[in-house]
Amino acid sequence: MKGHFAGGKMAGSHTTAIDCACRLIEAISAHQSVGKISLGVISAHPCTGGRTKVKVSCGDGYTLLAISQKGSVQEVRVYPVNGKLQEMNLAICREVRNLGLELCFKEI
């Protein structure tokens, strides 16, 4: 089913992703440095600009992606394989750029 993920590198009980998140998840899940991906709840975004944007924030042992698209936002936590956080972050940023999405960085 389109927009639903389960198994493999997916973690957590929430399995639905917005369109933009689907494309990014499919791209980053192929990288060997990515251990698990946990989808967050989809919520309304007050901006009506319609820009597709990915905000990247580094946490303690994971990377938080806030993916905005057409008035919706979804947080996605990405966990690396042991010791490969920096390699994983570089792969995520490359995939965001390859998909033609706006990339921003934010502190948690």
C-alpha atoms as a PDB file:
ATOM      1  CA  MET A   1       0.000   0.000   0.000  1.00  0.00           C
ATOM      2  CA  LYS A   2       1.359   3.413  -0.952  1.00  0.00           C
ATOM      3  CA  GLY A   3       2.525   5.513   1.976  1.00  0.00           C
ATOM      4  CA  HIS A   4       2.804   2.602   4.415  1.00  0.00           C
ATOM      5  CA  PHE A   5       6.018   1.032   5.630  1.00  0.00           C
ATOM      6  CA  ALA A   6       6.640  -2.027   7.801  1.00  0.00           C
ATOM      7  CA  GLY A   7       9.398  -4.539   8.446  1.00  0.00           C
ATOM      8  CA  GLY A   8      13.041  -4.356   7.502  1.00  0.00           C
ATOM      9  CA  LYS A   9      14.585  -1.182   8.881  1.00  0.00           C
ATOM     10  CA  MET A  10      11.247   0.272  10.028  1.00  0.00           C
ATOM     11  CA  ALA A  11      10.666   0.646  13.776  1.00  0.00           C
ATOM     12  CA  GLY A  12       7.658   1.716  15.827  1.00  0.00           C
ATOM     13  CA  SER A  13       3.935   1.294  15.328  1.00  0.00           C
ATOM     14  CA  HIS A  14       3.227   4.314  13.115  1.00  0.00           C
ATOM     15  CA  THR A  15       3.561   3.184   9.494  1.00  0.00           C
ATOM     16  CA  THR A  16       2.019   5.983   7.408  1.00  0.00           C
ATOM     17  CA  ALA A  17       4.179   8.569   5.647  1.00  0.00           C
ATOM     18  CA  ILE A  18       3.426  11.684   3.602  1.00  0.00           C
ATOM     19  CA  ASP A  19       4.416  11.546  -0.103  1.00  0.00           C
ATOM     20  CA  CYS A  20       7.673  13.431   0.260  1.00  0.00           C
ATOM     21  CA  ALA A  21       8.682  11.315   3.257  1.00  0.00           C
ATOM     22  CA  CYS A  22       7.959   8.135   1.256  1.00  0.00           C
ATOM     23  CA  ARG A  23      10.450   9.090  -1.424  1.00  0.00           C
ATOM     24  CA  LEU A  24      13.114  10.008   1.122  1.00  0.00           C
ATOM     25  CA  ILE A  25      12.570   6.893   3.263  1.00  0.00           C
ATOM     26  CA  GLU A  26      12.858   4.632   0.235  1.00  0.00           C
ATOM     27  CA  ALA A  27      16.115   6.357  -0.749  1.00  0.00           C
ATOM     28  CA  ILE A  28      17.819   6.357   2.670  1.00  0.00           C
ATOM     29  CA  SER A  29      16.721   2.868   3.735  1.00  0.00           C
ATOM     30  CA  ALA A  30      19.018   1.422   1.053  1.00  0.00           C
ATOM     31  CA  HIS A  31      22.122   2.836   2.763  1.00  0.00           C
ATOM     32  CA  GLN A  32      24.181   0.444   4.884  1.00  0.00           C
ATOM     33  CA  SER A  33      24.793   3.113   7.551  1.00  0.00           C
ATOM     34  CA  VAL A  34      21.045   3.325   8.342  1.00  0.00           C
ATOM     35  CA  GLY A  35      19.994   0.927  11.102  1.00  0.00           C
ATOM     36  CA  LYS A  36      16.348   1.830  11.871  1.00  0.00           C
ATOM     37  CA  ILE A  37      13.786   4.396  10.737  1.00  0.00           C
ATOM     38  CA  SER A  38      10.938   5.449  13.014  1.00  0.00           C
ATOM     39  CA  LEU A  39       8.023   7.420  11.544  1.00  0.00           C
ATOM     40  CA  GLY A  40       6.330  10.117  13.590  1.00  0.00           C
ATOM     41  CA  VAL A  41       2.761  11.357  13.539  1.00  0.00           C
ATOM     42  CA  ILE A  42       1.615  13.513  10.616  1.00  0.00           C
ATOM     43  CA  SER A  43       0.371  16.925  11.728  1.00  0.00           C
ATOM     44  CA  ALA A  44      -0.909  20.103  10.112  1.00  0.00           C
ATOM     45  CA  HIS A  45       1.646  22.783   9.333  1.00  0.00           C
ATOM     46  CA  PRO A  46       0.525  26.425   9.637  1.00  0.00           C
ATOM     47  CA  CYS A  47       2.405  27.439   6.482  1.00  0.00           C
ATOM     48  CA  THR A  48       0.376  27.350   3.277  1.00  0.00           C
ATOM     49  CA  GLY A  49       3.327  28.053   0.987  1.00  0.00           C
ATOM     50  CA  GLY A  50       3.433  24.501  -0.314  1.00  0.00           C
ATOM     51  CA  ARG A  51       7.245  24.306  -0.275  1.00  0.00           C
ATOM     52  CA  THR A  52       8.723  20.877   0.301  1.00  0.00           C
ATOM     53  CA  LYS A  53      11.443  21.115   2.923  1.00  0.00           C
ATOM     54  CA  VAL A  54      13.494  18.768   5.109  1.00  0.00           C
ATOM     55  CA  LYS A  55      14.913  20.079   8.402  1.00  0.00           C
ATOM     56  CA  VAL A  56      17.772  17.947   9.741  1.00  0.00           C
ATOM     57  CA  SER A  57      18.586  17.917  13.467  1.00  0.00           C
ATOM     58  CA  CYS A  58      21.178  15.738  15.162  1.00  0.00           C
ATOM     59  CA  GLY A  59      20.203  14.158  18.451  1.00  0.00           C
ATOM     60  CA  ASP A  60      22.148  11.910  20.792  1.00  0.00           C
ATOM     61  CA  GLY A  61      22.615   8.810  18.643  1.00  0.00           C
ATOM     62  CA  TYR A  62      19.958   9.583  16.023  1.00  0.00           C
ATOM     63  CA  THR A  63      18.980  12.128  13.391  1.00  0.00           C
ATOM     64  CA  LEU A  64      15.587  13.837  13.415  1.00  0.00           C
ATOM     65  CA  LEU A  65      14.070  14.808  10.076  1.00  0.00           C
ATOM     66  CA  ALA A  66      11.115  17.218   9.979  1.00  0.00           C
ATOM     67  CA  ILE A  67       9.616  16.812   6.520  1.00  0.00           C
ATOM     68  CA  SER A  68       7.175  19.541   5.425  1.00  0.00           C
ATOM     69  CA  GLN A  69       4.918  19.288   2.407  1.00  0.00           C
ATOM     70  CA  LYS A  70       1.708  21.086   1.368  1.00  0.00           C
ATOM     71  CA  GLY A  71       0.545  22.037   4.857  1.00  0.00           C
ATOM     72  CA  SER A  72       1.630  18.766   6.518  1.00  0.00           C
ATOM     73  CA  VAL A  73       4.702  17.959   8.554  1.00  0.00           C
ATOM     74  CA  GLN A  74       6.048  14.606   9.691  1.00  0.00           C
ATOM     75  CA  GLU A  75       8.973  13.861  11.972  1.00  0.00           C
ATOM     76  CA  VAL A  76      11.123  10.866  11.130  1.00  0.00           C
ATOM     77  CA  ARG A  77      13.868   9.560  13.428  1.00  0.00           C
ATOM     78  CA  VAL A  78      16.729   7.749  11.726  1.00  0.00           C
ATOM     79  CA  TYR A  79      19.094   5.584  13.794  1.00  0.00           C
ATOM     80  CA  PRO A  80      22.517   4.570  12.469  1.00  0.00           C
ATOM     81  CA  VAL A  81      24.327   1.279  12.532  1.00  0.00           C
ATOM     82  CA  ASN A  82      26.786   1.420  15.470  1.00  0.00           C
ATOM     83  CA  GLY A  83      29.340   4.193  15.069  1.00  0.00           C
ATOM     84  CA  LYS A  84      28.145   5.413  11.663  1.00  0.00           C
ATOM     85  CA  LEU A  85      26.130   8.516  12.614  1.00  0.00           C
ATOM     86  CA  GLN A  86      28.250  10.936  10.576  1.00  0.00           C
ATOM     87  CA  GLU A  87      28.257   8.638   7.524  1.00  0.00           C
ATOM     88  CA  MET A  88      24.463   8.244   7.824  1.00  0.00           C
ATOM     89  CA  ASN A  89      23.922  12.022   8.086  1.00  0.00           C
ATOM     90  CA  LEU A  90      25.978  12.610   4.964  1.00  0.00           C
ATOM     91  CA  ALA A  91      23.949   9.967   3.076  1.00  0.00           C
ATOM     92  CA  ILE A  92      20.663  11.559   4.215  1.00  0.00           C
ATOM     93  CA  CYS A  93      21.746  15.040   3.087  1.00  0.00           C
ATOM     94  CA  ARG A  94      22.869  13.698  -0.282  1.00  0.00           C
ATOM     95  CA  GLU A  95      19.520  11.955  -0.821  1.00  0.00           C
ATOM     96  CA  VAL A  96      17.591  15.108   0.136  1.00  0.00           C
ATOM     97  CA  ARG A  97      19.566  17.064  -2.473  1.00  0.00           C
ATOM     98  CA  ASN A  98      19.222  14.274  -5.081  1.00  0.00           C
ATOM     99  CA  LEU A  99      15.437  14.436  -4.665  1.00  0.00           C
ATOM    100  CA  GLY A 100      15.513  18.203  -5.246  1.00  0.00           C
ATOM    101  CA  LEU A 101      14.172  19.060  -1.782  1.00  0.00           C
ATOM    102  CA  GLU A 102      15.055  22.140   0.256  1.00  0.00           C
ATOM    103  CA  LEU A 103      17.510  21.251   3.025  1.00  0.00           C
ATOM    104  CA  CYS A 104      17.712  23.108   6.370  1.00  0.00           C
ATOM    105  CA  PHE A 105      19.593  22.394   9.581  1.00  0.00           C
ATOM    106  CA  LYS A 106      18.165  22.940  13.053  1.00  0.00           C
ATOM    107  CA  GLU A 107      19.321  22.360  16.630  1.00  0.00           C
ATOM    108  CA  ILE A 108      17.228  20.063  18.790  1.00  0.00           C
END
